[in-house]
Amino acid sequence: MGDKKHNEIIRLGLILFTITFITALLLAFVNGITKDKIAENSAKTKKEAMQQIFSNADSFDKLNLAATDVVTEGYTAKKDGKSIGYVISVEPQGFGGAISMLVGITPDKKVSTYVITNMNETPGLGTKAKDASFSSQFKDKTANIKVVKTTPSNNEVQAISGATISSNAVTKGINAALDAVSKLG
């Protein structure tokens, strides 16, 4: 009786191992086929977002920035070889995980705009961080932007109602981008 039960456990274990092994092989195969296309699409999306921030730029040169827990990389936007601003890639933690965004900074270190390229915030609440009514509050702001729930003053923005975590995350990303640009000199 004990051997029969033992053999049944081994049989089920082998079946589970076989299913898991085949699934892992299939996932590795699909990843091998799609990873180049995914990287290509990601680069295309990033370039389109940078062009959306500085539409008159004709090139974006990668900056030598030290990555932080929020800042991932940065670029100098150029037109005719002259710098017209910076695009800083940041990933602050929001309610639903990392919010991937590109922040445009003018040469005089003010926010021009930002573009969110990927987020998993709550639909109808945190996703309002993409809306112009929220994003326009950041235009021409400088370092140490704060989020408030009441009417904002100089370097403050009003939080999205019901999405304070998302509002703070976007603001953290923008402040990190401003800090990174200020260290450029």
N, C-alpha and C. Protein backbone atom coordinates (compact mmCIF):
# COMPACT_ATOMS: atom_id res chain seq x y z
N MET A 1 0.83 -1.20 0.00
CA MET A 1 0.00 0.00 0.00
C MET A 1 0.86 1.24 0.00
N GLY A 2 1.95 1.25 0.83
CA GLY A 2 2.85 2.38 0.93
C GLY A 2 3.63 2.59 -0.36
N ASP A 3 4.06 1.48 -1.02
CA ASP A 3 4.79 1.59 -2.28
C ASP A 3 3.91 2.14 -3.39
N LYS A 4 2.63 1.76 -3.41
CA LYS A 4 1.71 2.24 -4.44
C LYS A 4 1.52 3.76 -4.33
N LYS A 5 1.38 4.24 -3.11
CA LYS A 5 1.21 5.68 -2.88
C LYS A 5 2.50 6.43 -3.23
N HIS A 6 3.63 5.84 -2.87
CA HIS A 6 4.93 6.44 -3.19
C HIS A 6 5.13 6.53 -4.71
N ASN A 7 4.81 5.47 -5.42
CA ASN A 7 4.93 5.47 -6.88
C ASN A 7 4.01 6.49 -7.54
N GLU A 8 2.81 6.65 -6.98
CA GLU A 8 1.87 7.63 -7.53
C GLU A 8 2.41 9.05 -7.35
N ILE A 9 3.02 9.35 -6.23
CA ILE A 9 3.61 10.68 -5.99
C ILE A 9 4.76 10.92 -6.98
N ILE A 10 5.60 9.91 -7.22
CA ILE A 10 6.71 10.05 -8.18
C ILE A 10 6.16 10.26 -9.59
N ARG A 11 5.12 9.51 -9.94
CA ARG A 11 4.52 9.66 -11.28
C ARG A 11 3.97 11.08 -11.49
N LEU A 12 3.23 11.59 -10.50
CA LEU A 12 2.68 12.95 -10.60
C LEU A 12 3.80 14.00 -10.64
N GLY A 13 4.86 13.75 -9.88
CA GLY A 13 6.00 14.68 -9.89
C GLY A 13 6.67 14.72 -11.25
N LEU A 14 6.82 13.57 -11.89
CA LEU A 14 7.43 13.52 -13.22
C LEU A 14 6.54 14.20 -14.27
N ILE A 15 5.24 14.01 -14.15
CA ILE A 15 4.32 14.69 -15.08
C ILE A 15 4.42 16.21 -14.90
N LEU A 16 4.42 16.66 -13.67
CA LEU A 16 4.52 18.10 -13.41
C LEU A 16 5.87 18.64 -13.91
N PHE A 17 6.94 17.90 -13.68
CA PHE A 17 8.26 18.33 -14.16
C PHE A 17 8.27 18.42 -15.69
N THR A 18 7.69 17.45 -16.37
CA THR A 18 7.67 17.44 -17.83
C THR A 18 6.89 18.65 -18.37
N ILE A 19 5.73 18.91 -17.78
CA ILE A 19 4.92 20.06 -18.22
C ILE A 19 5.69 21.36 -17.99
N THR A 20 6.32 21.49 -16.84
CA THR A 20 7.07 22.71 -16.53
C THR A 20 8.26 22.87 -17.48
N PHE A 21 8.96 21.77 -17.75
CA PHE A 21 10.13 21.82 -18.63
C PHE A 21 9.72 22.23 -20.05
N ILE A 22 8.65 21.66 -20.57
CA ILE A 22 8.18 22.00 -21.93
C ILE A 22 7.72 23.46 -21.98
N THR A 23 7.04 23.90 -20.94
CA THR A 23 6.58 25.30 -20.89
C THR A 23 7.78 26.25 -20.87
N ALA A 24 8.80 25.93 -20.08
CA ALA A 24 10.00 26.78 -20.04
C ALA A 24 10.70 26.83 -21.40
N LEU A 25 10.76 25.69 -22.08
CA LEU A 25 11.37 25.66 -23.42
C LEU A 25 10.58 26.53 -24.39
N LEU A 26 9.26 26.43 -24.34
CA LEU A 26 8.42 27.24 -25.23
C LEU A 26 8.58 28.73 -24.96
N LEU A 27 8.62 29.10 -23.68
CA LEU A 27 8.80 30.52 -23.32
C LEU A 27 10.17 31.03 -23.79
N ALA A 28 11.20 30.22 -23.63
CA ALA A 28 12.54 30.62 -24.09
C ALA A 28 12.56 30.77 -25.61
N PHE A 29 11.88 29.89 -26.30
CA PHE A 29 11.82 29.95 -27.76
C PHE A 29 11.09 31.22 -28.21
N VAL A 30 9.95 31.51 -27.62
CA VAL A 30 9.17 32.72 -27.99
C VAL A 30 9.97 33.97 -27.65
N ASN A 31 10.63 33.98 -26.49
CA ASN A 31 11.46 35.13 -26.11
C ASN A 31 12.59 35.35 -27.12
N GLY A 32 13.21 34.27 -27.56
CA GLY A 32 14.29 34.38 -28.55
C GLY A 32 13.82 34.97 -29.86
N ILE A 33 12.60 34.63 -30.24
CA ILE A 33 12.05 35.14 -31.51
C ILE A 33 11.64 36.60 -31.39
N THR A 34 11.09 37.00 -30.24
CA THR A 34 10.47 38.32 -30.12
C THR A 34 11.35 39.39 -29.47
N LYS A 35 12.44 39.03 -28.80
CA LYS A 35 13.17 40.04 -28.02
C LYS A 35 13.74 41.17 -28.87
N ASP A 36 14.22 40.88 -30.07
CA ASP A 36 14.76 41.95 -30.92
C ASP A 36 13.65 42.90 -31.37
N LYS A 37 12.50 42.35 -31.72
CA LYS A 37 11.38 43.18 -32.15
C LYS A 37 10.87 44.04 -30.99
N ILE A 38 10.83 43.47 -29.78
CA ILE A 38 10.39 44.22 -28.60
C ILE A 38 11.36 45.37 -28.33
N ALA A 39 12.66 45.10 -28.39
CA ALA A 39 13.66 46.15 -28.17
C ALA A 39 13.55 47.24 -29.24
N GLU A 40 13.33 46.81 -30.49
CA GLU A 40 13.17 47.77 -31.60
C GLU A 40 11.94 48.66 -31.38
N ASN A 41 10.83 48.07 -30.98
CA ASN A 41 9.61 48.84 -30.73
C ASN A 41 9.78 49.79 -29.55
N SER A 42 10.49 49.34 -28.52
CA SER A 42 10.74 50.19 -27.36
C SER A 42 11.58 51.40 -27.74
N ALA A 43 12.62 51.18 -28.53
CA ALA A 43 13.47 52.28 -28.98
C ALA A 43 12.68 53.26 -29.86
N LYS A 44 11.81 52.72 -30.71
CA LYS A 44 10.98 53.57 -31.57
C LYS A 44 10.02 54.41 -30.73
N THR A 45 9.39 53.80 -29.73
CA THR A 45 8.48 54.53 -28.85
C THR A 45 9.22 55.63 -28.10
N LYS A 46 10.43 55.33 -27.63
CA LYS A 46 11.22 56.33 -26.91
C LYS A 46 11.58 57.50 -27.82
N LYS A 47 12.00 57.19 -29.03
CA LYS A 47 12.38 58.25 -29.97
C LYS A 47 11.18 59.13 -30.32
N GLU A 48 10.03 58.52 -30.52
CA GLU A 48 8.81 59.30 -30.81
C GLU A 48 8.44 60.19 -29.64
N ALA A 49 8.60 59.67 -28.41
CA ALA A 49 8.28 60.47 -27.22
C ALA A 49 9.26 61.64 -27.09
N MET A 50 10.56 61.39 -27.36
CA MET A 50 11.53 62.48 -27.29
C MET A 50 11.22 63.55 -28.34
N GLN A 51 10.80 63.11 -29.52
CA GLN A 51 10.45 64.05 -30.59
C GLN A 51 9.19 64.83 -30.22
N GLN A 52 8.30 64.19 -29.45
CA GLN A 52 7.09 64.87 -28.97
C GLN A 52 7.45 65.98 -27.99
N ILE A 53 8.48 65.75 -27.19
CA ILE A 53 8.91 66.74 -26.19
C ILE A 53 9.61 67.91 -26.86
N PHE A 54 10.59 67.62 -27.73
CA PHE A 54 11.30 68.66 -28.46
C PHE A 54 11.10 68.40 -29.95
N SER A 55 9.99 68.86 -30.48
CA SER A 55 9.63 68.56 -31.87
C SER A 55 10.59 69.19 -32.88
N ASN A 56 11.30 70.24 -32.48
CA ASN A 56 12.22 70.89 -33.42
C ASN A 56 13.64 70.32 -33.35
N ALA A 57 13.86 69.33 -32.47
CA ALA A 57 15.20 68.73 -32.37
C ALA A 57 15.47 67.85 -33.58
N ASP A 58 16.72 67.88 -34.05
CA ASP A 58 17.09 67.00 -35.16
C ASP A 58 17.96 65.83 -34.72
N SER A 59 18.41 65.86 -33.44
CA SER A 59 19.15 64.71 -32.91
C SER A 59 19.06 64.70 -31.38
N PHE A 60 19.31 63.52 -30.82
CA PHE A 60 19.33 63.36 -29.36
C PHE A 60 20.60 62.61 -29.01
N ASP A 61 21.53 63.27 -28.32
CA ASP A 61 22.80 62.66 -27.95
C ASP A 61 22.72 62.17 -26.50
N LYS A 62 23.15 60.94 -26.29
CA LYS A 62 23.07 60.36 -24.96
C LYS A 62 24.01 61.08 -24.01
N LEU A 63 23.51 61.37 -22.81
CA LEU A 63 24.29 62.02 -21.77
C LEU A 63 24.99 60.98 -20.91
N ASN A 64 26.07 61.37 -20.30
CA ASN A 64 26.77 60.51 -19.36
C ASN A 64 26.26 60.84 -17.96
N LEU A 65 25.10 60.26 -17.62
CA LEU A 65 24.49 60.49 -16.31
C LEU A 65 24.69 59.28 -15.42
N ALA A 66 24.86 59.55 -14.14
CA ALA A 66 24.89 58.45 -13.18
C ALA A 66 23.45 58.03 -12.90
N ALA A 67 23.15 56.77 -13.13
CA ALA A 67 21.80 56.27 -12.88
C ALA A 67 21.53 56.26 -11.38
N THR A 68 20.29 56.55 -11.02
CA THR A 68 19.87 56.50 -9.62
C THR A 68 18.70 55.52 -9.52
N ASP A 69 18.03 55.51 -8.37
CA ASP A 69 16.87 54.64 -8.24
C ASP A 69 15.70 55.13 -9.08
N VAL A 70 15.75 56.36 -9.58
CA VAL A 70 14.67 56.93 -10.38
C VAL A 70 15.14 57.25 -11.80
N VAL A 71 16.30 57.89 -11.93
CA VAL A 71 16.82 58.30 -13.24
C VAL A 71 17.52 57.11 -13.91
N THR A 72 17.14 56.83 -15.16
CA THR A 72 17.75 55.70 -15.86
C THR A 72 18.75 56.16 -16.93
N GLU A 73 18.44 57.22 -17.67
CA GLU A 73 19.35 57.74 -18.68
C GLU A 73 18.88 59.13 -19.11
N GLY A 74 19.72 59.80 -19.90
CA GLY A 74 19.36 61.13 -20.36
C GLY A 74 19.96 61.44 -21.72
N TYR A 75 19.37 62.43 -22.37
CA TYR A 75 19.80 62.83 -23.71
C TYR A 75 19.82 64.35 -23.80
N THR A 76 20.69 64.87 -24.64
CA THR A 76 20.68 66.28 -24.99
C THR A 76 19.94 66.40 -26.31
N ALA A 77 18.90 67.22 -26.34
CA ALA A 77 18.17 67.48 -27.59
C ALA A 77 18.92 68.57 -28.33
N LYS A 78 19.21 68.33 -29.61
CA LYS A 78 19.98 69.30 -30.38
C LYS A 78 19.28 69.67 -31.67
N LYS A 79 19.51 70.92 -32.07
CA LYS A 79 19.05 71.40 -33.37
C LYS A 79 20.24 72.12 -34.01
N ASP A 80 20.59 71.71 -35.17
CA ASP A 80 21.74 72.28 -35.89
C ASP A 80 23.00 72.23 -35.02
N GLY A 81 23.15 71.17 -34.24
CA GLY A 81 24.34 70.99 -33.42
C GLY A 81 24.34 71.73 -32.10
N LYS A 82 23.29 72.52 -31.83
CA LYS A 82 23.22 73.28 -30.58
C LYS A 82 22.18 72.68 -29.64
N SER A 83 22.51 72.67 -28.36
CA SER A 83 21.60 72.12 -27.35
C SER A 83 20.36 72.99 -27.22
N ILE A 84 19.19 72.33 -27.28
CA ILE A 84 17.93 73.07 -27.06
C ILE A 84 17.19 72.53 -25.83
N GLY A 85 17.80 71.57 -25.13
CA GLY A 85 17.20 71.04 -23.91
C GLY A 85 17.67 69.64 -23.61
N TYR A 86 17.05 69.06 -22.60
CA TYR A 86 17.42 67.72 -22.15
C TYR A 86 16.16 66.86 -22.04
N VAL A 87 16.34 65.58 -22.31
CA VAL A 87 15.28 64.60 -22.10
C VAL A 87 15.83 63.57 -21.12
N ILE A 88 15.20 63.47 -19.98
CA ILE A 88 15.66 62.57 -18.94
C ILE A 88 14.64 61.44 -18.77
N SER A 89 15.11 60.22 -18.82
CA SER A 89 14.26 59.05 -18.62
C SER A 89 14.24 58.70 -17.14
N VAL A 90 13.03 58.62 -16.57
CA VAL A 90 12.89 58.31 -15.14
C VAL A 90 11.86 57.21 -14.96
N GLU A 91 11.95 56.51 -13.85
CA GLU A 91 11.00 55.45 -13.51
C GLU A 91 10.66 55.49 -12.03
N PRO A 92 9.86 56.48 -11.60
CA PRO A 92 9.45 56.51 -10.19
C PRO A 92 8.40 55.43 -9.92
N GLN A 93 8.30 55.02 -8.67
CA GLN A 93 7.33 53.99 -8.28
C GLN A 93 5.98 54.63 -7.98
N GLY A 94 4.98 54.21 -8.73
CA GLY A 94 3.62 54.68 -8.51
C GLY A 94 2.82 53.65 -7.75
N PHE A 95 1.51 53.76 -7.79
CA PHE A 95 0.62 52.82 -7.10
C PHE A 95 0.68 51.44 -7.72
N GLY A 96 0.81 51.39 -9.06
CA GLY A 96 0.80 50.11 -9.77
C GLY A 96 2.17 49.66 -10.23
N GLY A 97 3.24 50.22 -9.68
CA GLY A 97 4.60 49.85 -10.08
C GLY A 97 5.31 51.05 -10.70
N ALA A 98 6.37 50.76 -11.42
CA ALA A 98 7.18 51.83 -12.00
C ALA A 98 6.40 52.56 -13.10
N ILE A 99 6.53 53.86 -13.13
CA ILE A 99 5.96 54.70 -14.18
C ILE A 99 7.12 55.13 -15.06
N SER A 100 7.17 54.66 -16.29
CA SER A 100 8.23 55.04 -17.22
C SER A 100 7.85 56.36 -17.88
N MET A 101 8.70 57.35 -17.74
CA MET A 101 8.40 58.65 -18.33
C MET A 101 9.66 59.34 -18.80
N LEU A 102 9.48 60.22 -19.77
CA LEU A 102 10.55 61.06 -20.27
C LEU A 102 10.20 62.50 -19.91
N VAL A 103 11.15 63.19 -19.30
CA VAL A 103 10.92 64.55 -18.85
C VAL A 103 11.77 65.49 -19.68
N GLY A 104 11.13 66.50 -20.25
CA GLY A 104 11.84 67.51 -21.02
C GLY A 104 12.22 68.67 -20.12
N ILE A 105 13.51 69.04 -20.16
CA ILE A 105 14.03 70.15 -19.35
C ILE A 105 14.67 71.15 -20.30
N THR A 106 14.33 72.41 -20.13
CA THR A 106 14.90 73.46 -20.98
C THR A 106 16.33 73.77 -20.54
N PRO A 107 17.12 74.44 -21.38
CA PRO A 107 18.50 74.78 -20.99
C PRO A 107 18.57 75.62 -19.71
N ASP A 108 17.53 76.41 -19.42
CA ASP A 108 17.54 77.19 -18.17
C ASP A 108 16.94 76.40 -17.01
N LYS A 109 16.90 75.08 -17.15
CA LYS A 109 16.53 74.13 -16.09
C LYS A 109 15.10 74.29 -15.58
N LYS A 110 14.19 74.42 -16.54
CA LYS A 110 12.75 74.43 -16.23
C LYS A 110 12.10 73.27 -16.97
N VAL A 111 11.01 72.77 -16.39
CA VAL A 111 10.29 71.66 -17.02
C VAL A 111 9.57 72.18 -18.26
N SER A 112 9.77 71.49 -19.38
CA SER A 112 9.00 71.87 -20.57
C SER A 112 7.73 71.02 -20.62
N THR A 113 7.88 69.72 -20.51
CA THR A 113 6.74 68.81 -20.46
C THR A 113 7.25 67.41 -20.11
N TYR A 114 6.35 66.47 -20.00
CA TYR A 114 6.75 65.08 -19.82
C TYR A 114 5.81 64.18 -20.61
N VAL A 115 6.32 63.00 -20.93
CA VAL A 115 5.53 62.00 -21.64
C VAL A 115 5.64 60.69 -20.87
N ILE A 116 4.52 60.11 -20.54
CA ILE A 116 4.52 58.80 -19.86
C ILE A 116 4.48 57.73 -20.95
N THR A 117 5.50 56.86 -20.95
CA THR A 117 5.58 55.83 -21.98
C THR A 117 5.02 54.49 -21.52
N ASN A 118 4.95 54.28 -20.20
CA ASN A 118 4.39 53.04 -19.68
C ASN A 118 3.99 53.22 -18.22
N MET A 119 2.78 52.78 -17.90
CA MET A 119 2.32 52.85 -16.52
C MET A 119 1.24 51.80 -16.27
N ASN A 120 1.10 51.41 -15.01
CA ASN A 120 0.06 50.46 -14.61
C ASN A 120 -0.76 51.04 -13.47
N GLU A 121 -1.03 52.35 -13.56
CA GLU A 121 -1.79 53.01 -12.50
C GLU A 121 -3.28 52.68 -12.65
N THR A 122 -4.06 52.97 -11.64
CA THR A 122 -5.48 52.66 -11.63
C THR A 122 -6.20 53.42 -12.75
N PRO A 123 -6.90 52.70 -13.64
CA PRO A 123 -7.63 53.38 -14.72
C PRO A 123 -8.65 54.37 -14.15
N GLY A 124 -8.68 55.55 -14.72
CA GLY A 124 -9.63 56.57 -14.29
C GLY A 124 -9.16 57.41 -13.12
N LEU A 125 -8.11 56.98 -12.44
CA LEU A 125 -7.55 57.75 -11.32
C LEU A 125 -6.09 58.08 -11.62
N GLY A 126 -5.20 57.14 -11.36
CA GLY A 126 -3.77 57.37 -11.59
C GLY A 126 -3.43 57.63 -13.04
N THR A 127 -4.21 57.07 -13.95
CA THR A 127 -3.93 57.29 -15.37
C THR A 127 -4.18 58.73 -15.79
N LYS A 128 -4.84 59.51 -14.93
CA LYS A 128 -5.04 60.93 -15.22
C LYS A 128 -3.72 61.71 -15.20
N ALA A 129 -2.65 61.06 -14.75
CA ALA A 129 -1.34 61.72 -14.78
C ALA A 129 -0.92 62.02 -16.21
N LYS A 130 -1.54 61.33 -17.18
CA LYS A 130 -1.25 61.59 -18.59
C LYS A 130 -2.04 62.79 -19.12
N ASP A 131 -3.10 63.17 -18.42
CA ASP A 131 -3.98 64.26 -18.91
C ASP A 131 -3.28 65.61 -18.88
N ALA A 132 -3.62 66.43 -19.85
CA ALA A 132 -3.03 67.77 -19.94
C ALA A 132 -3.38 68.62 -18.72
N SER A 133 -4.57 68.39 -18.13
CA SER A 133 -4.96 69.19 -16.96
C SER A 133 -3.98 68.99 -15.80
N PHE A 134 -3.37 67.82 -15.70
CA PHE A 134 -2.37 67.59 -14.65
C PHE A 134 -0.96 67.95 -15.15
N SER A 135 -0.60 67.45 -16.32
CA SER A 135 0.77 67.64 -16.80
C SER A 135 1.11 69.11 -17.06
N SER A 136 0.11 69.90 -17.45
CA SER A 136 0.39 71.31 -17.75
C SER A 136 0.81 72.10 -16.51
N GLN A 137 0.49 71.57 -15.32
CA GLN A 137 0.87 72.26 -14.09
C GLN A 137 2.39 72.32 -13.90
N PHE A 138 3.12 71.41 -14.55
CA PHE A 138 4.56 71.33 -14.35
C PHE A 138 5.35 72.28 -15.24
N LYS A 139 4.72 72.82 -16.28
CA LYS A 139 5.44 73.67 -17.24
C LYS A 139 6.11 74.83 -16.52
N ASP A 140 7.39 75.01 -16.83
CA ASP A 140 8.25 76.08 -16.30
C ASP A 140 8.53 75.99 -14.80
N LYS A 141 8.18 74.86 -14.18
CA LYS A 141 8.53 74.69 -12.76
C LYS A 141 10.01 74.35 -12.66
N THR A 142 10.59 74.64 -11.50
CA THR A 142 11.99 74.34 -11.25
C THR A 142 12.08 73.31 -10.11
N ALA A 143 13.25 73.12 -9.57
CA ALA A 143 13.50 72.06 -8.58
C ALA A 143 12.57 72.12 -7.37
N ASN A 144 12.48 70.98 -6.70
CA ASN A 144 11.71 70.81 -5.46
C ASN A 144 10.23 71.13 -5.62
N ILE A 145 9.64 70.57 -6.65
CA ILE A 145 8.20 70.72 -6.87
C ILE A 145 7.48 69.89 -5.82
N LYS A 146 6.42 70.46 -5.26
CA LYS A 146 5.66 69.77 -4.23
C LYS A 146 4.23 69.54 -4.70
N VAL A 147 3.61 68.46 -4.18
CA VAL A 147 2.22 68.14 -4.49
C VAL A 147 1.37 68.59 -3.31
N VAL A 148 0.30 69.31 -3.61
CA VAL A 148 -0.62 69.77 -2.57
C VAL A 148 -2.05 69.38 -2.97
N LYS A 149 -2.93 69.30 -1.97
CA LYS A 149 -4.32 68.95 -2.26
C LYS A 149 -5.19 70.20 -2.42
N THR A 150 -4.63 71.35 -2.04
CA THR A 150 -5.37 72.60 -2.17
C THR A 150 -4.86 73.38 -3.38
N THR A 151 -5.24 74.61 -3.50
CA THR A 151 -4.79 75.44 -4.61
C THR A 151 -3.27 75.61 -4.55
N PRO A 152 -2.57 75.25 -5.62
CA PRO A 152 -1.10 75.31 -5.58
C PRO A 152 -0.57 76.73 -5.73
N SER A 153 0.61 76.93 -5.16
CA SER A 153 1.29 78.22 -5.33
C SER A 153 2.50 78.00 -6.25
N ASN A 154 3.49 78.84 -6.16
CA ASN A 154 4.62 78.88 -7.10
C ASN A 154 5.13 77.53 -7.60
N ASN A 155 5.83 76.78 -6.79
CA ASN A 155 6.46 75.53 -7.24
C ASN A 155 5.68 74.31 -6.74
N GLU A 156 4.35 74.42 -6.78
CA GLU A 156 3.49 73.33 -6.34
C GLU A 156 2.54 72.93 -7.47
N VAL A 157 2.08 71.69 -7.39
CA VAL A 157 1.06 71.20 -8.32
C VAL A 157 -0.06 70.58 -7.48
N GLN A 158 -1.27 70.66 -8.00
CA GLN A 158 -2.42 70.09 -7.28
C GLN A 158 -2.52 68.61 -7.61
N ALA A 159 -2.64 67.79 -6.58
CA ALA A 159 -2.74 66.33 -6.74
C ALA A 159 -3.99 65.96 -7.52
N ILE A 160 -3.91 64.85 -8.21
CA ILE A 160 -5.07 64.28 -8.89
C ILE A 160 -5.98 63.74 -7.80
N SER A 161 -7.24 64.10 -7.81
CA SER A 161 -8.18 63.65 -6.79
C SER A 161 -8.28 62.12 -6.79
N GLY A 162 -7.99 61.51 -5.65
CA GLY A 162 -8.05 60.05 -5.51
C GLY A 162 -6.81 59.34 -6.00
N ALA A 163 -5.80 60.07 -6.41
CA ALA A 163 -4.58 59.44 -6.94
C ALA A 163 -3.34 60.20 -6.44
N THR A 164 -3.28 60.39 -5.15
CA THR A 164 -2.15 61.11 -4.57
C THR A 164 -0.83 60.37 -4.78
N ILE A 165 -0.86 59.04 -4.71
CA ILE A 165 0.37 58.26 -4.89
C ILE A 165 0.91 58.46 -6.31
N SER A 166 0.04 58.41 -7.28
CA SER A 166 0.47 58.63 -8.67
C SER A 166 0.97 60.05 -8.86
N SER A 167 0.28 61.02 -8.27
CA SER A 167 0.70 62.42 -8.36
C SER A 167 2.09 62.60 -7.76
N ASN A 168 2.30 62.00 -6.60
CA ASN A 168 3.62 62.10 -5.95
C ASN A 168 4.70 61.39 -6.76
N ALA A 169 4.35 60.26 -7.37
CA ALA A 169 5.34 59.51 -8.17
C ALA A 169 5.79 60.33 -9.37
N VAL A 170 4.84 60.90 -10.10
CA VAL A 170 5.19 61.72 -11.27
C VAL A 170 6.05 62.90 -10.83
N THR A 171 5.68 63.53 -9.74
CA THR A 171 6.44 64.67 -9.23
C THR A 171 7.84 64.25 -8.80
N LYS A 172 7.95 63.08 -8.17
CA LYS A 172 9.27 62.56 -7.79
C LYS A 172 10.15 62.35 -9.02
N GLY A 173 9.57 61.81 -10.07
CA GLY A 173 10.31 61.60 -11.30
C GLY A 173 10.79 62.91 -11.91
N ILE A 174 9.92 63.90 -11.92
CA ILE A 174 10.29 65.20 -12.49
C ILE A 174 11.36 65.88 -11.64
N ASN A 175 11.21 65.81 -10.32
CA ASN A 175 12.25 66.38 -9.44
C ASN A 175 13.59 65.68 -9.65
N ALA A 176 13.57 64.37 -9.83
CA ALA A 176 14.81 63.62 -10.07
C ALA A 176 15.44 64.04 -11.40
N ALA A 177 14.62 64.27 -12.41
CA ALA A 177 15.13 64.73 -13.71
C ALA A 177 15.75 66.12 -13.58
N LEU A 178 15.07 67.01 -12.86
CA LEU A 178 15.62 68.36 -12.65
C LEU A 178 16.94 68.29 -11.89
N ASP A 179 17.02 67.42 -10.90
CA ASP A 179 18.25 67.26 -10.12
C ASP A 179 19.38 66.75 -11.01
N ALA A 180 19.07 65.77 -11.86
CA ALA A 180 20.10 65.21 -12.75
C ALA A 180 20.64 66.29 -13.69
N VAL A 181 19.76 67.11 -14.23
CA VAL A 181 20.20 68.17 -15.14
C VAL A 181 21.00 69.25 -14.39
N SER A 182 20.61 69.54 -13.15
CA SER A 182 21.35 70.56 -12.38
C SER A 182 22.79 70.12 -12.12
N LYS A 183 23.03 68.82 -12.07
CA LYS A 183 24.39 68.31 -11.82
C LYS A 183 25.25 68.33 -13.07
N LEU A 184 24.63 68.62 -14.22
CA LEU A 184 25.40 68.69 -15.45
C LEU A 184 26.26 69.95 -15.51
N GLY A 185 25.88 70.94 -14.73
CA GLY A 185 26.66 72.16 -14.70
C GLY A 185 26.00 73.34 -15.33
